[in-house]
Amino acid sequence: MSFYKVRVQRESNTPKVFNVVAKKSQDAVLAAAQSLRDEGITDAKAIEIIGQINSLRD
């Protein structure tokens, strides 16, 4: 598993940046989308992988 830093562009709020765990970057996008659904965020317009990181603390 790898760690990825993800940025979510939003319609009416500031971008959200968080870290996810996934096997590959495509899975990181899916994990980010699921996290947004779980949080009830409905104004997301883009999910971008900023890069791979060493740990979830980065």
C-alpha atoms as a PDB file:
ATOM      1  CA  MET A   1       0.000   0.000   0.000  1.00  0.00           C
ATOM      2  CA  SER A   2       1.103   3.549  -0.743  1.00  0.00           C
ATOM      3  CA  PHE A   3       0.171   6.897   0.713  1.00  0.00           C
ATOM      4  CA  TYR A   4      -1.100   9.725  -1.497  1.00  0.00           C
ATOM      5  CA  LYS A   5      -1.824  13.383  -0.846  1.00  0.00           C
ATOM      6  CA  VAL A   6      -5.105  14.353  -2.525  1.00  0.00           C
ATOM      7  CA  ARG A   7      -6.603  17.789  -3.216  1.00  0.00           C
ATOM      8  CA  VAL A   8     -10.329  18.219  -3.807  1.00  0.00           C
ATOM      9  CA  GLN A   9     -11.476  21.343  -5.647  1.00  0.00           C
ATOM     10  CA  ARG A  10     -14.847  22.522  -4.392  1.00  0.00           C
ATOM     11  CA  GLU A  11     -17.535  24.747  -5.884  1.00  0.00           C
ATOM     12  CA  SER A  12     -18.167  27.122  -3.007  1.00  0.00           C
ATOM     13  CA  ASN A  13     -15.543  26.310  -0.353  1.00  0.00           C
ATOM     14  CA  THR A  14     -11.776  26.279  -0.108  1.00  0.00           C
ATOM     15  CA  PRO A  15     -10.017  23.201  -1.518  1.00  0.00           C
ATOM     16  CA  LYS A  16      -9.696  20.255   0.861  1.00  0.00           C
ATOM     17  CA  VAL A  17      -6.344  18.438   1.105  1.00  0.00           C
ATOM     18  CA  PHE A  18      -5.978  15.081   2.826  1.00  0.00           C
ATOM     19  CA  ASN A  19      -4.021  11.831   2.732  1.00  0.00           C
ATOM     20  CA  VAL A  20      -5.295   8.425   1.634  1.00  0.00           C
ATOM     21  CA  VAL A  21      -3.938   4.879   1.532  1.00  0.00           C
ATOM     22  CA  ALA A  22      -4.207   2.951  -1.736  1.00  0.00           C
ATOM     23  CA  LYS A  23      -2.373   0.432  -3.909  1.00  0.00           C
ATOM     24  CA  LYS A  24      -2.155   2.838  -6.872  1.00  0.00           C
ATOM     25  CA  SER A  25      -3.134   6.404  -7.711  1.00  0.00           C
ATOM     26  CA  GLN A  26      -6.404   5.364  -9.376  1.00  0.00           C
ATOM     27  CA  ASP A  27      -7.450   3.652  -6.152  1.00  0.00           C
ATOM     28  CA  ALA A  28      -6.505   6.809  -4.243  1.00  0.00           C
ATOM     29  CA  VAL A  29      -9.038   8.787  -6.303  1.00  0.00           C
ATOM     30  CA  LEU A  30     -11.722   6.215  -5.468  1.00  0.00           C
ATOM     31  CA  ALA A  31     -10.792   6.300  -1.778  1.00  0.00           C
ATOM     32  CA  ALA A  32     -10.965  10.104  -1.803  1.00  0.00           C
ATOM     33  CA  ALA A  33     -14.395  10.037  -3.450  1.00  0.00           C
ATOM     34  CA  GLN A  34     -15.653   7.595  -0.825  1.00  0.00           C
ATOM     35  CA  SER A  35     -14.271   9.776   1.949  1.00  0.00           C
ATOM     36  CA  LEU A  36     -16.109  12.796   0.518  1.00  0.00           C
ATOM     37  CA  ARG A  37     -19.356  10.832   0.393  1.00  0.00           C
ATOM     38  CA  ASP A  38     -18.872   9.711   4.000  1.00  0.00           C
ATOM     39  CA  GLU A  39     -18.341  13.341   5.089  1.00  0.00           C
ATOM     40  CA  GLY A  40     -21.396  14.520   3.157  1.00  0.00           C
ATOM     41  CA  ILE A  41     -19.424  16.849   0.892  1.00  0.00           C
ATOM     42  CA  THR A  42     -21.553  17.522  -2.184  1.00  0.00           C
ATOM     43  CA  ASP A  43     -19.789  20.466  -3.842  1.00  0.00           C
ATOM     44  CA  ALA A  44     -16.649  18.651  -5.056  1.00  0.00           C
ATOM     45  CA  LYS A  45     -15.798  19.298  -8.692  1.00  0.00           C
ATOM     46  CA  ALA A  46     -12.338  17.716  -9.051  1.00  0.00           C
ATOM     47  CA  ILE A  47     -10.068  15.249  -7.262  1.00  0.00           C
ATOM     48  CA  GLU A  48      -6.348  15.594  -7.925  1.00  0.00           C
ATOM     49  CA  ILE A  49      -3.470  13.433  -6.711  1.00  0.00           C
ATOM     50  CA  ILE A  50      -0.793  15.880  -5.581  1.00  0.00           C
ATOM     51  CA  GLY A  51       1.778  13.154  -5.077  1.00  0.00           C
ATOM     52  CA  GLN A  52       2.926  10.079  -3.252  1.00  0.00           C
ATOM     53  CA  ILE A  53       4.081  10.612   0.328  1.00  0.00           C
ATOM     54  CA  ASN A  54       5.983   8.595   2.910  1.00  0.00           C
ATOM     55  CA  SER A  55       3.355   8.448   5.629  1.00  0.00           C
ATOM     56  CA  LEU A  56      -0.118   9.648   6.562  1.00  0.00           C
ATOM     57  CA  ARG A  57       1.490  12.268   8.788  1.00  0.00           C
ATOM     58  CA  ASP A  58       3.007  14.166   5.847  1.00  0.00           C
END
